[in-house]
Amino acid sequence: MMQARPSEFHFWPESHQLDCSPRLSRAEVEAYSRNEIRSRRNKRPSWARRALRVRTIKMKFQLSSHAEWELQRRGISKEMVEAVLDGPEQRVPDESHAGRWIYQSRMWFEDGKLYLLRVVATGEEPPTVITAYRTRKIEKYWRAE
């Protein structure tokens, strides 16, 4: 059996290599993998390919001047607020103000920690965001369903 040099890349362990098997370079293996993935993607049924093209409908909302200031001060992007409003993990009524809702989701932030992002908004359509903040006290605010 031929001995493989350490720099070569093989699909099979050395014990499964045949003497007549072609040796593939790393570039050839990567090209094969890319083509294989591309061909698998095109073999999806037509309804699945159409489903991938469907865009999600984004929730329209307004930001109060206070919310804009707080988002900038706290380093929370508008995209994160939009993501929480589009698909919150929980939506709970604000007990301190009638007609307000708190949309909350657990999110990973840049520092690698899990935070609870809470967005306080009015209940009207489109909602007006009053404020948004992140907290590490997930157990305190999370409601058991």
Protein backbone atom coordinates (compact mmCIF):
# COMPACT_ATOMS: atom_id res chain seq x y z
CA MET A 1 0.00 0.00 0.00
CA MET A 2 1.13 3.51 -0.73
CA GLN A 3 2.04 5.61 2.24
CA ALA A 4 0.25 8.96 2.39
CA ARG A 5 2.27 12.05 3.01
CA PRO A 6 0.97 14.17 5.90
CA SER A 7 0.23 17.12 3.59
CA GLU A 8 -2.23 15.11 1.48
CA PHE A 9 -5.96 15.07 2.15
CA HIS A 10 -7.99 11.87 1.74
CA PHE A 11 -11.64 10.99 1.99
CA TRP A 12 -10.89 7.65 3.62
CA PRO A 13 -8.50 6.58 6.34
CA GLU A 14 -5.24 5.11 5.12
CA SER A 15 -6.48 1.58 5.83
CA HIS A 16 -9.31 2.00 3.29
CA GLN A 17 -7.20 3.47 0.48
CA LEU A 18 -6.68 1.23 -2.54
CA ASP A 19 -3.48 1.23 -4.54
CA CYS A 20 -5.37 2.32 -7.65
CA SER A 21 -7.40 5.08 -5.99
CA PRO A 22 -6.74 8.57 -7.32
CA ARG A 23 -5.26 11.09 -4.92
CA LEU A 24 -7.30 14.26 -4.67
CA SER A 25 -5.82 17.60 -3.82
CA ARG A 26 -7.44 19.77 -1.13
CA ALA A 27 -8.74 22.16 -3.83
CA GLU A 28 -10.37 19.27 -5.71
CA VAL A 29 -12.04 18.02 -2.52
CA GLU A 30 -13.35 21.51 -1.69
CA ALA A 31 -14.62 21.98 -5.27
CA TYR A 32 -16.38 18.62 -5.06
CA SER A 33 -17.99 19.59 -1.77
CA ARG A 34 -19.22 22.93 -3.15
CA ASN A 35 -20.69 21.24 -6.24
CA GLU A 36 -22.33 18.54 -4.12
CA ILE A 37 -23.97 21.15 -1.90
CA ARG A 38 -25.08 23.15 -4.94
CA SER A 39 -26.60 20.06 -6.59
CA ARG A 40 -28.43 19.08 -3.39
CA ARG A 41 -29.89 22.57 -3.11
CA ASN A 42 -31.30 22.36 -6.65
CA LYS A 43 -32.91 18.99 -5.95
CA ARG A 44 -35.39 20.48 -3.50
CA PRO A 45 -39.03 20.34 -4.60
CA SER A 46 -40.34 23.48 -6.28
CA TRP A 47 -42.54 24.39 -3.31
CA ALA A 48 -39.50 24.34 -1.02
CA ARG A 49 -37.50 26.57 -3.38
CA ARG A 50 -40.43 29.02 -3.50
CA ALA A 51 -40.68 28.97 0.30
CA LEU A 52 -37.05 30.06 0.54
CA ARG A 53 -37.82 33.09 -1.63
CA VAL A 54 -40.79 34.24 0.48
CA ARG A 55 -39.91 37.28 2.55
CA THR A 56 -41.22 37.74 6.03
CA ILE A 57 -43.58 40.63 6.57
CA LYS A 58 -41.93 43.09 8.89
CA MET A 59 -43.92 44.80 11.58
CA LYS A 60 -44.21 48.54 11.17
CA PHE A 61 -43.59 50.56 14.30
CA GLN A 62 -42.77 54.07 15.41
CA LEU A 63 -40.06 55.16 17.81
CA SER A 64 -40.70 57.86 20.36
CA SER A 65 -37.95 60.46 20.80
CA HIS A 66 -37.21 58.98 24.22
CA ALA A 67 -36.86 55.48 22.69
CA GLU A 68 -34.47 56.74 19.98
CA TRP A 69 -32.31 58.40 22.63
CA GLU A 70 -32.32 55.33 24.89
CA LEU A 71 -31.51 52.93 22.02
CA GLN A 72 -28.49 55.01 21.09
CA ARG A 73 -27.36 55.38 24.70
CA ARG A 74 -27.77 51.66 25.47
CA GLY A 75 -26.21 50.42 22.21
CA ILE A 76 -29.31 48.59 20.98
CA SER A 77 -29.89 48.62 17.22
CA LYS A 78 -33.24 49.28 15.58
CA GLU A 79 -32.91 45.91 13.84
CA MET A 80 -32.87 44.16 17.21
CA VAL A 81 -36.00 46.04 18.30
CA GLU A 82 -37.64 45.15 15.00
CA ALA A 83 -36.72 41.48 15.46
CA VAL A 84 -38.27 41.42 18.94
CA LEU A 85 -41.45 43.15 17.72
CA ASP A 86 -41.73 40.81 14.70
CA GLY A 87 -41.38 37.61 16.69
CA PRO A 88 -41.25 38.00 20.45
CA GLU A 89 -40.74 34.96 22.63
CA GLN A 90 -43.21 36.50 25.07
CA ARG A 91 -45.72 39.34 24.98
CA VAL A 92 -46.91 40.41 28.42
CA PRO A 93 -49.11 43.32 29.48
CA ASP A 94 -47.41 46.21 31.26
CA GLU A 95 -48.95 46.20 34.73
CA SER A 96 -47.87 49.77 35.51
CA HIS A 97 -49.59 51.34 32.46
CA ALA A 98 -52.86 50.18 30.86
CA GLY A 99 -52.68 49.77 27.09
CA ARG A 100 -48.94 49.05 26.97
CA TRP A 101 -47.32 45.75 26.11
CA ILE A 102 -43.85 44.40 26.80
CA TYR A 103 -42.34 42.32 24.01
CA GLN A 104 -39.37 40.29 25.21
CA SER A 105 -36.88 37.83 23.74
CA ARG A 106 -33.64 36.26 24.87
CA MET A 107 -30.73 37.36 22.68
CA TRP A 108 -26.97 36.90 22.53
CA PHE A 109 -25.10 40.20 22.46
CA GLU A 110 -21.62 41.06 21.19
CA ASP A 111 -20.00 40.35 24.56
CA GLY A 112 -21.07 36.69 24.22
CA LYS A 113 -23.64 36.85 27.02
CA LEU A 114 -27.33 36.02 26.95
CA TYR A 115 -29.60 38.98 27.72
CA LEU A 116 -33.33 39.53 27.84
CA LEU A 117 -34.23 42.35 25.45
CA ARG A 118 -37.45 44.03 26.60
CA VAL A 119 -39.32 46.44 24.31
CA VAL A 120 -42.13 48.49 25.87
CA ALA A 121 -44.68 49.62 23.28
CA THR A 122 -48.24 50.89 23.03
CA GLY A 123 -51.00 48.47 22.11
CA GLU A 124 -52.25 50.49 19.12
CA GLU A 125 -51.52 49.80 15.45
CA PRO A 126 -48.76 50.55 14.49
CA PRO A 127 -47.19 50.30 17.94
CA THR A 128 -45.10 53.16 19.28
CA VAL A 129 -41.98 52.02 21.09
CA ILE A 130 -41.72 53.79 24.44
CA THR A 131 -38.37 52.33 25.49
CA ALA A 132 -36.18 49.25 25.13
CA TYR A 133 -33.53 47.79 27.38
CA ARG A 134 -31.54 44.64 27.98
CA THR A 135 -31.16 42.86 31.28
CA ARG A 136 -29.39 39.81 32.64
CA LYS A 137 -32.22 39.20 35.15
CA ILE A 138 -34.03 36.75 32.89
CA GLU A 139 -35.56 34.77 35.77
CA LYS A 140 -37.10 37.92 37.24
CA TYR A 141 -39.00 38.97 34.09
CA TRP A 142 -39.59 35.66 32.31
CA ARG A 143 -43.13 34.34 32.71
CA ALA A 144 -43.75 30.63 32.92
CA GLU A 145 -46.26 29.66 30.26
